[in-house]
Amino acid sequence: MLRMKMLCIAIGGLLAIAPQAQAAVTEAEAAALKTTLTPLGGERAGNKDGSIPAWTGGQTKPVAGNKLGDIPTQFLANEKPLLQISAKNAAQYADKLSEGTRLLLAKYPDSFRVDVYPTQRTAAAPQQVYDNAFKNATRCSLKDEKRSLEGCFGGTPFPIPKDGAEVIWNYLMRVEAESIEYRFKNIVGNADGSHTLATRNDIAFQYPFYYKDGAPERWSGEYAMFRFNTLEPPFKAGESLVIRDTIDPANPRQAWQYLVGQRRVRRAPTVAYDTPDFVASGANYFDEVQGFFGAMDRYDWKIVGKKEMYVPYNTNGLIGAKLDDAIAKHHLNPDHVRWELHRVWEVEATVASGKRHAVPKRRFYFDEDSWLLLLMDGYDAEGKLWRTTQVTPFVVPSVPATLIKTATVFNLQAGTMSVIQALNGEDFRVVPRKSENYFTGDAVAAEAVR
């Protein structure tokens, strides 16, 4: 009997110290997703003064006018700004501006400004996504020291987040179409105000987490995969990169690269974290693509809270502009960037014990309605603001969803910028999903041989 008691105590102790899955919310809490919260977890009600309206379902109807593939580029084109924020009046609105935005206003007082338009809560998703988000609220949980999750599929994993890591997973698993194809340019903005084309590329993205015929028990754990081919400049034309991202904490990213000069496909394990992004001539880090791109294990994540902020939103018009008009000398052209007042989740990331990263501290601002990352500030080892990112979301009613691709990263100390995946003058289409074999190093090698 004594041995049995000792065995039970020992087992209990092991369970207490073993990594545990973080519990999902209760059914009573999840019920709010059908009453006071939107299906993805935002507050349905507007704010007190009405400057943020109530959410009424988002933009699901087709939009007339010009399009760039499936992106309506004249969406909200007739609206005028409610106010303009410049260096002269920035102090009046400082509580609703990120530190990075305030610094850009001060750094470029003669050219950078924030044009604030009426808030339009356009975020929407297919009903199947809403249904899955509701199920995820009570079945999805964190595990492996928050570096992975389980029980989730096909919708926002944590629509009622209680942990910073849950918010980041919501972003990594943000609403997407099953499969898309688009063409983009990466532009480097130099300190003297000149611009350089880093690369022009074709890319195909696929999102197994959002397969319409999927389910938690059949999902492999891979949530995103892409393959791109470089078109310009001539000396890089024909280079390819394939990436597959998974929730497996032991191997979160698999990557293969084809270099024309070497005429072979090789594994590319360094295409992650703070490795300089060779697709953008090293002007940004790989995990700054699309705001934040890849594994989250180098940081501890903390929810700071929710607040009202001026953020880029509904920037379809920016995508419709010609590239030379969309980008000013040191920043995006304010004439084409739409800012709105939205409630955002603020999450702080600090480098975890035993880990390293070139940017030891970051602050992220996520839209409550879509879980899209809109702004990010990065700090150096001395705690000084070093980098700031603007992500410019656009509405695609045919999904329906609000999506992001372009991110503009400013190196505030060097006076440079990197416009990553600019869609201007290119194409963007929702397409039928491909065989997953397309997203492999072997497929790239076979095509290169032909």
Protein backbone atom coordinates (compact mmCIF):
# COMPACT_ATOMS: atom_id res chain seq x y z
CA MET A 1 0.00 0.00 0.00
CA LEU A 2 2.84 2.39 0.90
CA ARG A 3 4.58 1.66 -2.42
CA MET A 4 1.33 2.40 -4.27
CA LYS A 5 0.94 5.75 -2.47
CA MET A 6 4.53 6.67 -3.23
CA LEU A 7 4.00 5.77 -6.91
CA CYS A 8 0.89 7.97 -7.10
CA ILE A 9 2.76 10.87 -5.50
CA ALA A 10 5.64 10.45 -7.96
CA ILE A 11 3.31 10.35 -10.96
CA GLY A 12 1.48 13.41 -9.67
CA GLY A 13 4.74 15.28 -9.32
CA LEU A 14 5.79 14.42 -12.87
CA LEU A 15 2.47 15.59 -14.23
CA ALA A 16 2.81 18.84 -12.34
CA ILE A 17 6.16 19.71 -13.92
CA ALA A 18 5.53 18.27 -17.38
CA PRO A 19 4.55 20.69 -20.17
CA GLN A 20 0.76 20.96 -20.07
CA ALA A 21 -1.69 22.07 -22.73
CA GLN A 22 -3.21 25.44 -21.86
CA ALA A 23 -6.94 25.02 -21.50
CA ALA A 24 -9.40 26.56 -23.94
CA VAL A 25 -12.23 28.83 -22.77
CA THR A 26 -15.45 27.49 -21.28
CA GLU A 27 -18.65 26.98 -23.26
CA ALA A 28 -20.21 29.91 -21.38
CA GLU A 29 -17.36 32.18 -22.43
CA ALA A 30 -17.51 30.94 -26.02
CA ALA A 31 -21.21 31.81 -26.19
CA ALA A 32 -20.21 35.49 -26.35
CA LEU A 33 -19.03 34.85 -29.94
CA LYS A 34 -22.70 34.76 -30.89
CA THR A 35 -23.79 37.76 -28.83
CA THR A 36 -21.43 40.53 -27.70
CA LEU A 37 -18.41 39.43 -29.73
CA THR A 38 -17.99 39.01 -33.48
CA PRO A 39 -17.53 35.42 -34.73
CA LEU A 40 -13.74 35.97 -34.69
CA GLY A 41 -13.63 37.64 -31.28
CA GLY A 42 -13.87 41.40 -31.80
CA GLU A 43 -16.30 43.57 -29.86
CA ARG A 44 -19.53 43.89 -31.85
CA ALA A 45 -20.42 47.24 -30.32
CA GLY A 46 -18.88 50.51 -31.39
CA ASN A 47 -17.09 52.84 -28.99
CA LYS A 48 -18.76 55.45 -26.81
CA ASP A 49 -18.44 58.43 -29.14
CA GLY A 50 -19.34 56.49 -32.27
CA SER A 51 -15.98 57.04 -33.99
CA ILE A 52 -15.71 53.24 -34.15
CA PRO A 53 -19.05 51.87 -35.39
CA ALA A 54 -20.63 48.55 -34.53
CA TRP A 55 -19.61 45.52 -36.60
CA THR A 56 -22.49 44.49 -38.86
CA GLY A 57 -21.00 41.63 -40.87
CA GLY A 58 -18.14 43.18 -42.82
CA GLN A 59 -17.66 43.59 -46.56
CA THR A 60 -19.01 40.52 -48.36
CA LYS A 61 -20.63 42.09 -51.44
CA PRO A 62 -18.74 42.63 -54.73
CA VAL A 63 -17.21 46.07 -55.25
CA ALA A 64 -17.57 47.92 -58.54
CA GLY A 65 -14.69 49.59 -60.35
CA ASN A 66 -11.13 48.72 -61.24
CA LYS A 67 -9.47 45.58 -59.92
CA LEU A 68 -6.01 44.16 -59.57
CA GLY A 69 -6.92 40.52 -60.07
CA ASP A 70 -9.38 39.83 -57.24
CA ILE A 71 -8.58 43.04 -55.33
CA PRO A 72 -11.05 45.91 -55.91
CA THR A 73 -8.74 48.92 -56.06
CA GLN A 74 -11.45 51.61 -55.98
CA PHE A 75 -12.99 50.41 -52.74
CA LEU A 76 -14.08 53.45 -50.64
CA ALA A 77 -12.44 55.69 -53.25
CA ASN A 78 -14.97 58.50 -52.80
CA GLU A 79 -14.40 58.99 -49.07
CA LYS A 80 -12.43 61.98 -47.78
CA PRO A 81 -10.18 62.16 -44.71
CA LEU A 82 -11.73 63.28 -41.45
CA LEU A 83 -8.42 64.73 -40.29
CA GLN A 84 -4.74 64.89 -41.18
CA ILE A 85 -2.04 64.30 -38.58
CA SER A 86 1.36 65.82 -39.24
CA ALA A 87 4.39 66.72 -37.14
CA LYS A 88 2.65 70.00 -36.27
CA ASN A 89 -0.37 68.45 -34.52
CA ALA A 90 0.96 64.97 -33.65
CA ALA A 91 1.05 65.73 -29.92
CA GLN A 92 -2.72 66.19 -29.95
CA TYR A 93 -3.22 62.61 -31.12
CA ALA A 94 -0.17 60.97 -29.53
CA ASP A 95 -2.24 58.59 -27.39
CA LYS A 96 -3.67 56.99 -30.54
CA LEU A 97 -0.38 56.71 -32.46
CA SER A 98 2.28 54.03 -32.11
CA GLU A 99 5.76 55.17 -31.16
CA GLY A 100 6.98 54.25 -34.63
CA THR A 101 4.32 56.41 -36.29
CA ARG A 102 5.17 59.34 -34.02
CA LEU A 103 8.85 59.01 -34.86
CA LEU A 104 8.16 58.93 -38.61
CA LEU A 105 6.13 62.12 -38.26
CA ALA A 106 9.05 63.77 -36.47
CA LYS A 107 11.72 62.36 -38.80
CA TYR A 108 9.99 63.41 -42.03
CA PRO A 109 7.95 66.48 -41.01
CA ASP A 110 7.68 67.86 -44.53
CA SER A 111 6.42 64.71 -46.24
CA PHE A 112 4.98 62.09 -43.87
CA ARG A 113 1.46 62.42 -42.51
CA VAL A 114 -1.45 60.26 -41.36
CA ASP A 115 -4.74 60.77 -43.23
CA VAL A 116 -7.54 59.46 -41.01
CA TYR A 117 -10.72 58.28 -42.76
CA PRO A 118 -14.08 57.14 -41.35
CA THR A 119 -13.71 53.76 -39.67
CA GLN A 120 -15.15 50.95 -41.77
CA ARG A 121 -15.30 47.57 -40.02
CA THR A 122 -15.02 45.54 -43.21
CA ALA A 123 -13.45 42.36 -41.79
CA ALA A 124 -15.43 39.26 -42.77
CA ALA A 125 -14.93 35.55 -43.32
CA PRO A 126 -16.85 32.60 -44.78
CA GLN A 127 -19.49 31.04 -42.52
CA GLN A 128 -17.44 27.84 -42.29
CA VAL A 129 -14.61 29.87 -40.75
CA TYR A 130 -17.00 31.38 -38.21
CA ASP A 131 -18.30 27.91 -37.33
CA ASN A 132 -14.77 26.58 -36.86
CA ALA A 133 -13.70 29.59 -34.78
CA PHE A 134 -16.63 28.92 -32.43
CA LYS A 135 -15.57 25.27 -32.09
CA ASN A 136 -11.91 26.24 -31.67
CA ALA A 137 -12.76 28.46 -28.71
CA THR A 138 -13.46 25.37 -26.56
CA ARG A 139 -11.33 22.73 -28.26
CA CYS A 140 -8.09 24.51 -29.20
CA SER A 141 -5.25 24.79 -26.70
CA LEU A 142 -1.56 25.67 -26.49
CA LYS A 143 1.06 23.02 -25.82
CA ASP A 144 4.83 22.49 -25.90
CA GLU A 145 5.51 25.63 -23.86
CA LYS A 146 3.11 27.58 -26.11
CA ARG A 147 5.20 26.81 -29.21
CA SER A 148 2.48 24.59 -30.64
CA LEU A 149 -1.26 24.00 -30.42
CA GLU A 150 -3.78 21.20 -30.73
CA GLY A 151 -7.46 20.64 -31.41
CA CYS A 152 -7.72 23.53 -33.88
CA PHE A 153 -8.74 23.83 -37.51
CA GLY A 154 -10.22 26.13 -40.10
CA GLY A 155 -10.81 29.28 -38.07
CA THR A 156 -9.28 31.64 -35.53
CA PRO A 157 -7.69 29.32 -32.95
CA PHE A 158 -8.25 31.55 -29.91
CA PRO A 159 -11.06 34.04 -30.59
CA ILE A 160 -11.11 34.90 -26.88
CA PRO A 161 -7.36 35.10 -26.11
CA LYS A 162 -5.98 35.11 -22.60
CA ASP A 163 -2.28 34.86 -23.46
CA GLY A 164 0.06 36.75 -25.77
CA ALA A 165 1.08 33.54 -27.53
CA GLU A 166 -2.58 32.91 -28.38
CA VAL A 167 -2.79 36.25 -30.15
CA ILE A 168 0.31 35.44 -32.22
CA TRP A 169 -1.15 32.08 -33.20
CA ASN A 170 -4.32 33.89 -34.24
CA TYR A 171 -2.19 35.97 -36.58
CA LEU A 172 -0.20 33.05 -37.96
CA MET A 173 -3.52 31.24 -38.57
CA ARG A 174 -5.31 34.35 -39.87
CA VAL A 175 -8.15 33.93 -42.36
CA GLU A 176 -6.94 33.06 -45.85
CA ALA A 177 -8.26 31.54 -49.05
CA GLU A 178 -7.21 27.94 -49.66
CA SER A 179 -4.83 28.94 -52.44
CA ILE A 180 -3.66 32.18 -54.04
CA GLU A 181 -1.18 33.30 -56.67
CA TYR A 182 0.29 36.75 -57.07
CA ARG A 183 3.24 38.72 -58.40
CA PHE A 184 5.17 41.23 -56.33
CA LYS A 185 8.19 43.48 -56.16
CA ASN A 186 10.53 44.10 -53.26
CA ILE A 187 11.77 47.68 -53.20
CA VAL A 188 14.67 49.02 -51.12
CA GLY A 189 14.45 52.66 -50.10
CA ASN A 190 17.91 54.12 -49.60
CA ALA A 191 18.90 56.82 -47.12
CA ASP A 192 19.24 59.41 -49.90
CA GLY A 193 15.62 58.84 -50.96
CA SER A 194 16.40 56.76 -54.03
CA HIS A 195 14.76 53.38 -54.63
CA THR A 196 16.20 50.10 -55.89
CA LEU A 197 14.40 47.03 -57.20
CA ALA A 198 15.58 44.10 -55.12
CA THR A 199 13.52 41.41 -56.87
CA ARG A 200 10.32 40.82 -58.82
CA ASN A 201 8.72 37.44 -58.21
CA ASP A 202 5.85 35.09 -58.97
CA ILE A 203 4.52 33.31 -55.88
CA ALA A 204 1.95 30.66 -55.00
CA PHE A 205 0.67 30.35 -51.41
CA GLN A 206 -1.44 27.53 -50.01
CA TYR A 207 -3.05 27.30 -46.57
CA PRO A 208 -3.87 23.72 -45.47
CA PHE A 209 -5.34 25.05 -42.23
CA TYR A 210 -8.19 26.46 -44.31
CA TYR A 211 -8.92 23.52 -46.60
CA LYS A 212 -12.71 23.37 -46.89
CA ASP A 213 -12.74 19.59 -46.57
CA GLY A 214 -10.35 19.48 -43.61
CA ALA A 215 -10.81 18.69 -39.92
CA PRO A 216 -8.59 18.77 -36.80
CA GLU A 217 -8.03 15.03 -36.85
CA ARG A 218 -6.98 15.06 -40.51
CA TRP A 219 -4.82 18.18 -40.46
CA SER A 220 -1.09 17.49 -40.83
CA GLY A 221 -0.09 20.53 -38.77
CA GLU A 222 1.25 22.42 -41.79
CA TYR A 223 -0.53 25.77 -41.90
CA ALA A 224 1.18 27.60 -44.79
CA MET A 225 3.31 26.70 -47.78
CA PHE A 226 4.62 28.75 -50.65
CA ARG A 227 6.82 28.56 -53.69
CA PHE A 228 8.12 31.50 -55.68
CA ASN A 229 10.22 32.13 -58.74
CA THR A 230 12.34 35.25 -59.26
CA LEU A 231 11.77 37.12 -62.54
CA GLU A 232 14.02 40.16 -62.09
CA PRO A 233 16.75 41.38 -61.97
CA PRO A 234 18.33 39.27 -64.75
CA PHE A 235 21.19 37.93 -62.65
CA LYS A 236 18.69 36.45 -60.16
CA ALA A 237 16.04 35.33 -62.64
CA GLY A 238 15.13 31.67 -62.21
CA GLU A 239 15.96 31.43 -58.50
CA SER A 240 13.30 29.69 -56.43
CA LEU A 241 12.39 29.29 -52.79
CA VAL A 242 9.96 26.83 -51.21
CA ILE A 243 8.81 27.08 -47.59
CA ARG A 244 6.45 24.92 -45.54
CA ASP A 245 5.49 26.10 -42.05
CA THR A 246 4.14 23.76 -39.39
CA ILE A 247 3.12 23.75 -35.75
CA ASP A 248 5.81 21.14 -35.01
CA PRO A 249 8.07 22.96 -32.50
CA ALA A 250 11.02 20.68 -33.29
CA ASN A 251 10.98 21.60 -36.98
CA PRO A 252 8.75 24.66 -37.50
CA ARG A 253 9.95 25.48 -41.02
CA GLN A 254 11.23 23.48 -43.94
CA ALA A 255 12.83 25.46 -46.76
CA TRP A 256 14.51 24.69 -50.07
CA GLN A 257 16.30 27.11 -52.39
CA TYR A 258 17.26 26.78 -56.05
CA LEU A 259 20.20 28.91 -57.18
CA VAL A 260 20.69 29.23 -60.93
CA GLY A 261 24.46 29.53 -60.64
CA GLN A 262 24.74 26.28 -58.67
CA ARG A 263 22.05 24.52 -60.73
CA ARG A 264 20.85 22.55 -57.74
CA VAL A 265 18.25 22.65 -54.98
CA ARG A 266 19.57 22.83 -51.43
CA ARG A 267 17.99 22.94 -48.01
CA ALA A 268 17.83 26.47 -46.60
CA PRO A 269 17.52 26.18 -42.81
CA THR A 270 18.54 29.82 -42.20
CA VAL A 271 15.50 31.26 -43.99
CA ALA A 272 13.94 32.30 -40.70
CA TYR A 273 14.12 34.61 -37.70
CA ASP A 274 16.63 37.49 -37.97
CA THR A 275 18.48 36.21 -41.02
CA PRO A 276 18.67 39.07 -43.57
CA ASP A 277 16.09 38.51 -46.30
CA PHE A 278 18.00 37.88 -49.53
CA VAL A 279 14.78 38.31 -51.54
CA ALA A 280 14.86 41.95 -50.41
CA SER A 281 18.63 42.40 -50.75
CA GLY A 282 18.98 41.97 -46.98
CA ALA A 283 17.04 45.16 -46.22
CA ASN A 284 14.81 43.40 -43.68
CA TYR A 285 14.82 40.20 -41.64
CA PHE A 286 12.96 37.11 -42.80
CA ASP A 287 10.58 37.25 -39.85
CA GLU A 288 9.57 40.80 -40.84
CA VAL A 289 7.96 39.59 -44.07
CA GLN A 290 4.18 40.16 -43.92
CA GLY A 291 4.74 41.82 -40.55
CA PHE A 292 5.75 38.64 -38.73
CA PHE A 293 6.58 35.46 -40.55
CA GLY A 294 7.57 32.17 -38.98
CA ALA A 295 8.27 30.55 -35.65
CA MET A 296 7.60 32.39 -32.39
CA ASP A 297 9.87 30.43 -30.04
CA ARG A 298 12.57 33.08 -29.58
CA TYR A 299 10.26 35.41 -27.67
CA ASP A 300 8.07 35.50 -24.60
CA TRP A 301 4.72 37.06 -25.50
CA LYS A 302 2.61 39.22 -23.22
CA ILE A 303 -0.76 40.86 -23.80
CA VAL A 304 -0.44 44.52 -22.81
CA GLY A 305 -4.11 45.21 -23.44
CA LYS A 306 -6.56 46.56 -26.00
CA LYS A 307 -6.63 50.18 -27.10
CA GLU A 308 -7.96 52.51 -29.81
CA MET A 309 -5.32 53.47 -32.37
CA TYR A 310 -4.92 54.99 -35.80
CA VAL A 311 -3.77 52.16 -38.04
CA PRO A 312 -3.52 51.43 -41.79
CA TYR A 313 -6.81 49.85 -42.90
CA ASN A 314 -8.80 49.21 -46.08
CA THR A 315 -5.79 50.26 -48.19
CA ASN A 316 -7.10 48.88 -51.49
CA GLY A 317 -6.46 52.28 -53.08
CA LEU A 318 -2.74 52.05 -52.28
CA ILE A 319 -2.53 48.81 -54.26
CA GLY A 320 -4.31 50.43 -57.21
CA ALA A 321 -1.73 53.23 -57.50
CA LYS A 322 1.25 53.00 -59.84
CA LEU A 323 4.33 51.87 -57.95
CA ASP A 324 6.24 55.12 -58.46
CA ASP A 325 3.25 57.04 -57.11
CA ALA A 326 2.61 54.65 -54.20
CA ILE A 327 6.10 55.11 -52.73
CA ALA A 328 7.53 58.49 -51.76
CA LYS A 329 11.22 59.08 -51.07
CA HIS A 330 11.39 57.82 -47.50
CA HIS A 331 7.97 56.21 -46.90
CA LEU A 332 4.73 55.25 -48.59
CA ASN A 333 2.92 58.10 -50.29
CA PRO A 334 0.45 59.52 -47.71
CA ASP A 335 -1.94 60.44 -50.53
CA HIS A 336 -2.65 56.73 -51.01
CA VAL A 337 -2.47 55.30 -47.47
CA ARG A 338 -5.78 55.11 -45.62
CA TRP A 339 -5.65 55.18 -41.80
CA GLU A 340 -8.64 54.48 -39.55
CA LEU A 341 -9.39 54.34 -35.83
CA HIS A 342 -9.68 50.72 -34.67
CA ARG A 343 -9.43 48.75 -31.47
CA VAL A 344 -6.22 46.74 -31.45
CA TRP A 345 -4.58 44.18 -29.22
CA GLU A 346 -1.13 45.30 -28.08
CA VAL A 347 1.30 42.42 -27.53
CA GLU A 348 4.85 42.81 -26.26
CA ALA A 349 7.59 40.35 -27.23
CA THR A 350 10.85 40.06 -25.31
CA VAL A 351 13.63 37.62 -26.08
CA ALA A 352 13.16 34.40 -24.13
CA SER A 353 15.73 33.11 -21.67
CA GLY A 354 18.51 31.27 -23.48
CA LYS A 355 17.47 32.66 -26.88
CA ARG A 356 18.80 35.48 -29.05
CA HIS A 357 17.41 37.80 -31.70
CA ALA A 358 18.77 40.93 -33.37
CA VAL A 359 15.61 42.76 -32.24
CA PRO A 360 15.37 41.91 -28.52
CA LYS A 361 12.05 43.66 -27.94
CA ARG A 362 9.02 44.22 -30.15
CA ARG A 363 5.55 45.69 -29.79
CA PHE A 364 2.81 44.38 -32.07
CA TYR A 365 -0.61 45.86 -32.77
CA PHE A 366 -3.30 43.45 -34.02
CA ASP A 367 -6.73 44.34 -35.37
CA GLU A 368 -9.50 42.99 -33.11
CA ASP A 369 -11.78 42.12 -36.05
CA SER A 370 -9.36 40.20 -38.31
CA TRP A 371 -6.33 39.43 -36.09
CA LEU A 372 -4.16 41.06 -38.76
CA LEU A 373 -0.91 42.65 -37.66
CA LEU A 374 -1.07 46.34 -38.61
CA LEU A 375 1.91 47.97 -36.89
CA MET A 376 5.08 46.73 -35.22
CA ASP A 377 7.85 48.57 -33.35
CA GLY A 378 11.25 46.97 -32.77
CA TYR A 379 13.77 48.06 -30.15
CA ASP A 380 17.54 47.58 -29.93
CA ALA A 381 19.50 46.19 -26.99
CA GLU A 382 19.56 49.62 -25.33
CA GLY A 383 15.77 49.88 -25.51
CA LYS A 384 15.82 52.52 -28.27
CA LEU A 385 13.27 52.34 -31.06
CA TRP A 386 15.14 51.01 -34.08
CA ARG A 387 12.61 49.63 -36.56
CA THR A 388 8.96 50.13 -37.30
CA THR A 389 6.69 48.26 -39.69
CA GLN A 390 3.47 49.33 -41.40
CA VAL A 391 1.28 46.54 -42.79
CA THR A 392 -1.37 47.64 -45.27
CA PRO A 393 -4.48 45.38 -45.30
CA PHE A 394 -6.91 45.16 -48.21
CA VAL A 395 -10.42 43.78 -48.69
CA VAL A 396 -11.11 40.82 -51.00
CA PRO A 397 -14.89 40.32 -50.98
CA SER A 398 -14.70 37.19 -53.14
CA VAL A 399 -13.15 35.23 -50.24
CA PRO A 400 -14.55 37.17 -48.23
CA ALA A 401 -11.67 38.38 -46.08
CA THR A 402 -9.37 41.23 -45.24
CA LEU A 403 -5.86 40.13 -46.22
CA ILE A 404 -2.30 41.41 -45.99
CA LYS A 405 0.81 40.90 -48.09
CA THR A 406 2.74 44.19 -48.30
CA ALA A 407 4.76 45.23 -45.26
CA THR A 408 7.00 48.31 -45.16
CA VAL A 409 9.89 48.05 -42.72
CA PHE A 410 11.65 51.26 -41.69
CA ASN A 411 15.17 51.20 -40.25
CA LEU A 412 14.81 54.44 -38.32
CA GLN A 413 18.45 54.71 -37.34
CA ALA A 414 19.79 54.15 -40.88
CA GLY A 415 17.03 56.11 -42.60
CA THR A 416 16.23 53.25 -44.99
CA MET A 417 13.10 51.24 -45.74
CA SER A 418 12.12 47.94 -47.33
CA VAL A 419 8.79 47.63 -49.13
CA ILE A 420 8.17 43.88 -49.06
CA GLN A 421 5.79 42.25 -51.55
CA ALA A 422 4.46 45.40 -53.22
CA LEU A 423 1.51 44.38 -55.41
CA ASN A 424 1.25 47.62 -57.40
CA GLY A 425 0.97 47.01 -61.14
CA GLU A 426 1.06 43.24 -60.64
CA ASP A 427 -1.65 40.60 -60.07
CA PHE A 428 -3.40 38.78 -57.22
CA ARG A 429 -5.84 35.90 -57.65
CA VAL A 430 -7.63 33.28 -55.59
CA VAL A 431 -7.05 30.00 -57.44
CA PRO A 432 -7.94 26.30 -57.08
CA ARG A 433 -5.64 24.52 -54.67
CA LYS A 434 -2.68 22.60 -55.98
CA SER A 435 -1.21 19.24 -55.11
CA GLU A 436 0.99 19.70 -52.05
CA ASN A 437 3.77 18.01 -54.02
CA TYR A 438 4.09 21.31 -55.88
CA PHE A 439 5.54 22.83 -52.71
CA THR A 440 8.63 20.63 -52.44
CA GLY A 441 12.29 20.88 -53.28
CA ASP A 442 11.93 17.89 -55.59
CA ALA A 443 9.29 19.70 -57.66
CA VAL A 444 11.54 22.75 -58.01
CA ALA A 445 14.47 20.54 -59.02
CA ALA A 446 12.40 18.69 -61.62
CA GLU A 447 11.20 21.94 -63.16
CA ALA A 448 14.71 23.40 -63.18
CA VAL A 449 16.00 20.41 -65.13
CA ARG A 450 13.32 20.97 -67.80
